[in-house]
Amino acid sequence: MHGEADLVDQLVGAPGARVLDAGCGTGRVAIELARRGYGTVGVDVDGDLLSRARAKAPDLCWIEGDLAALGPTVAAGPFAAAVLAGNVMIFTSPGTEGQVLAAVARRLGPGGLVVAGFQLSGRLSVAEYDAHAAAAGLEPVARWSTWDRAPFTGTSDYVVAVDATATP
C-alpha cells in the first residue's frame, strides 16, 4: 500500500526533511510521508485530484501546476527528494519528459534524490529516461523493477529509477 513512501523513507532516512510529491494526484504518497514526519509538498496539474488531496489532508501544501512549466518560485526547494510515483513520467505530455526532470532537479538540494517509477510500455524507455536525467544534471544511483527493490533486468516491465544531484 505504501511501497513508494517506504522506499523514499528508507532512501532519505531523515524525517523532517522536505519531499516533493511531483504528480501527486490524490496525495496518497505525500500524506503518508507527512504522517512519517516529512515536510511534503504535492504538485499536480489536475485540479480535481488536488481537491481530493486537500479534502484528505487540508494542512498540507497542494499546488496546481504543470511540472514541465513550473515557475522558479512554485514549490521552491530545496527538497531532499522528489518522488514521481504512479507512472508520472509516462503521463506527462509527450516531449516534456526532459523539462519535467529539469524542473524537479532544480528544486533539490545537493545530493537530493529523484525517485521515479513508471511502466516500460514503449512510451519511455530507461535509456531515454536516463538521457533526460543526465541532461537535468542528475546521476544514476539505482534501478529496480519494483518499489520494494526487486532487481531490474532486461525483461522488467517497470522501473524505479533513483538519481541524485551532484554533491559539492
Protein backbone atom coordinates (compact mmCIF):
# COMPACT_ATOMS: atom_id res chain seq x y z
CA MET A 1 0.00 0.00 0.00
CA HIS A 2 2.78 2.44 0.87
CA GLY A 3 5.69 0.99 -1.08
CA GLU A 4 6.61 4.35 -2.60
CA ALA A 5 6.66 6.07 0.80
CA ASP A 6 8.57 3.15 2.33
CA LEU A 7 11.31 3.43 -0.29
CA VAL A 8 11.58 7.23 -0.09
CA ASP A 9 11.71 6.99 3.71
CA GLN A 10 14.49 4.38 3.50
CA LEU A 11 16.47 6.39 0.96
CA VAL A 12 16.15 9.79 2.66
CA GLY A 13 16.11 8.48 6.22
CA ALA A 14 15.62 11.92 7.76
CA PRO A 15 12.12 12.67 8.99
CA GLY A 16 11.78 16.43 8.98
CA ALA A 17 13.39 16.64 5.54
CA ARG A 18 11.31 18.10 2.72
CA VAL A 19 9.95 15.86 -0.05
CA LEU A 20 8.27 16.98 -3.25
CA ASP A 21 5.50 14.69 -4.47
CA ALA A 22 5.61 15.60 -8.16
CA GLY A 23 2.44 14.50 -9.89
CA CYS A 24 0.84 13.81 -6.52
CA GLY A 25 -2.68 13.02 -7.74
CA THR A 26 -4.92 12.46 -4.72
CA GLY A 27 -1.95 12.78 -2.35
CA ARG A 28 -1.51 9.21 -1.17
CA VAL A 29 2.32 9.32 -1.09
CA ALA A 30 2.63 12.88 0.27
CA ILE A 31 0.11 12.17 3.03
CA GLU A 32 1.92 9.01 4.11
CA LEU A 33 5.32 10.74 4.10
CA ALA A 34 3.86 13.62 6.14
CA ARG A 35 2.48 11.06 8.62
CA ARG A 36 6.07 9.79 8.96
CA GLY A 37 7.35 13.28 9.76
CA TYR A 38 8.49 14.58 6.37
CA GLY A 39 7.63 18.06 5.17
CA THR A 40 5.73 17.38 1.96
CA VAL A 41 4.54 19.49 -0.93
CA GLY A 42 2.31 18.00 -3.60
CA VAL A 43 2.11 19.31 -7.16
CA ASP A 44 -0.30 18.12 -9.81
CA VAL A 45 -1.81 19.51 -13.00
CA ASP A 46 -5.26 18.00 -12.25
CA GLY A 47 -7.34 20.29 -10.05
CA ASP A 48 -9.96 17.60 -9.37
CA LEU A 49 -7.34 15.20 -7.99
CA LEU A 50 -5.86 18.00 -5.87
CA SER A 51 -9.31 18.75 -4.45
CA ARG A 52 -9.44 15.19 -3.19
CA ALA A 53 -5.93 15.53 -1.73
CA ARG A 54 -6.91 18.76 0.03
CA ALA A 55 -10.04 17.12 1.45
CA LYS A 56 -7.94 14.29 2.92
CA ALA A 57 -5.10 16.48 4.24
CA PRO A 58 -6.05 20.18 4.31
CA ASP A 59 -2.97 21.16 6.33
CA LEU A 60 -0.51 20.01 3.66
CA CYS A 61 0.67 22.18 0.79
CA TRP A 62 -1.02 21.28 -2.51
CA ILE A 63 -0.12 23.20 -5.67
CA GLU A 64 -1.87 23.03 -9.02
CA GLY A 65 0.72 23.25 -11.76
CA ASP A 66 2.26 21.65 -14.81
CA LEU A 67 5.55 20.01 -13.80
CA ALA A 68 7.08 20.90 -17.17
CA ALA A 69 6.35 24.61 -16.72
CA LEU A 70 6.72 25.39 -13.01
CA GLY A 71 7.95 28.88 -12.30
CA PRO A 72 11.08 29.16 -10.14
CA THR A 73 9.14 30.21 -7.02
CA VAL A 74 6.48 27.49 -7.30
CA ALA A 75 7.20 24.60 -4.94
CA ALA A 76 10.57 26.18 -4.27
CA GLY A 77 13.19 23.96 -2.71
CA PRO A 78 15.42 22.84 -1.51
CA PHE A 79 13.94 19.38 -1.18
CA ALA A 80 15.86 16.30 -0.03
CA ALA A 81 13.93 14.21 -2.54
CA ALA A 82 11.26 14.29 -5.19
CA VAL A 83 9.07 11.30 -5.86
CA LEU A 84 7.32 10.74 -9.18
CA ALA A 85 5.15 7.72 -8.43
CA GLY A 86 2.17 6.32 -10.27
CA ASN A 87 3.62 6.49 -13.77
CA VAL A 88 4.00 10.28 -13.72
CA MET A 89 6.78 10.15 -16.31
CA ILE A 90 4.57 8.44 -18.89
CA PHE A 91 1.55 10.64 -18.12
CA THR A 92 3.37 13.88 -18.88
CA SER A 93 2.77 15.45 -22.27
CA PRO A 94 4.93 13.67 -24.86
CA GLY A 95 8.16 15.56 -25.41
CA THR A 96 8.17 17.22 -21.96
CA GLU A 97 9.93 14.48 -20.01
CA GLY A 98 13.24 16.36 -20.00
CA GLN A 99 11.55 19.58 -18.87
CA VAL A 100 9.83 17.73 -16.03
CA LEU A 101 13.08 16.20 -14.77
CA ALA A 102 14.93 19.52 -15.11
CA ALA A 103 12.22 21.37 -13.16
CA VAL A 104 12.22 18.74 -10.42
CA ALA A 105 16.04 18.61 -10.24
CA ARG A 106 16.23 22.42 -9.83
CA ARG A 107 14.21 22.10 -6.64
CA LEU A 108 16.59 19.63 -4.98
CA GLY A 109 19.40 20.40 -2.62
CA PRO A 110 22.91 18.95 -3.07
CA GLY A 111 22.70 15.17 -3.08
CA GLY A 112 18.91 15.37 -3.46
CA LEU A 113 17.17 12.35 -4.94
CA VAL A 114 14.67 11.93 -7.75
CA VAL A 115 12.76 8.68 -7.32
CA ALA A 116 10.57 7.86 -10.32
CA GLY A 117 8.59 4.72 -11.03
CA PHE A 118 6.96 4.00 -14.36
CA GLN A 119 5.75 1.27 -16.67
CA LEU A 120 8.04 0.41 -19.57
CA SER A 121 5.30 0.30 -22.16
CA GLY A 122 7.11 1.84 -25.11
CA ARG A 123 6.19 5.42 -24.18
CA LEU A 124 9.50 5.99 -22.36
CA SER A 125 12.47 3.65 -22.16
CA VAL A 126 15.04 3.51 -19.38
CA ALA A 127 17.70 4.76 -21.83
CA GLU A 128 15.53 7.77 -22.77
CA TYR A 129 14.79 8.48 -19.11
CA ASP A 130 18.49 8.25 -18.27
CA ALA A 131 19.35 10.70 -21.07
CA HIS A 132 16.77 13.20 -19.77
CA ALA A 133 18.04 12.73 -16.21
CA ALA A 134 21.66 13.30 -17.27
CA ALA A 135 20.67 16.44 -19.18
CA ALA A 136 18.99 17.66 -15.97
CA GLY A 137 22.27 17.20 -14.08
CA LEU A 138 21.22 14.01 -12.32
CA GLU A 139 23.45 10.99 -11.78
CA PRO A 140 22.09 7.42 -11.58
CA VAL A 141 22.07 5.83 -8.14
CA ALA A 142 19.92 2.70 -8.53
CA ARG A 143 17.43 0.94 -10.80
CA TRP A 144 14.88 -1.58 -9.50
CA SER A 145 11.84 -3.24 -11.05
CA THR A 146 9.58 -2.61 -8.03
CA TRP A 147 9.26 -0.17 -5.16
CA ASP A 148 10.45 -2.93 -2.80
CA ARG A 149 13.79 -3.13 -4.65
CA ALA A 150 13.38 -6.25 -6.78
CA PRO A 151 16.33 -6.37 -9.20
CA PHE A 152 15.93 -4.60 -12.53
CA THR A 153 16.61 -6.86 -15.51
CA GLY A 154 16.38 -6.61 -19.26
CA THR A 155 12.94 -8.21 -19.08
CA SER A 156 11.48 -5.92 -16.39
CA ASP A 157 8.30 -4.14 -17.45
CA TYR A 158 8.55 -1.50 -14.71
CA VAL A 159 11.40 0.61 -13.41
CA VAL A 160 12.03 2.53 -10.23
CA ALA A 161 14.84 4.91 -11.10
CA VAL A 162 16.78 6.72 -8.37
CA ASP A 163 19.02 9.59 -9.44
CA ALA A 164 20.82 12.26 -7.45
CA THR A 165 22.04 15.79 -7.85
CA ALA A 166 25.76 16.32 -7.50
CA THR A 167 27.11 16.97 -4.05
CA PRO A 168 29.51 19.90 -3.59
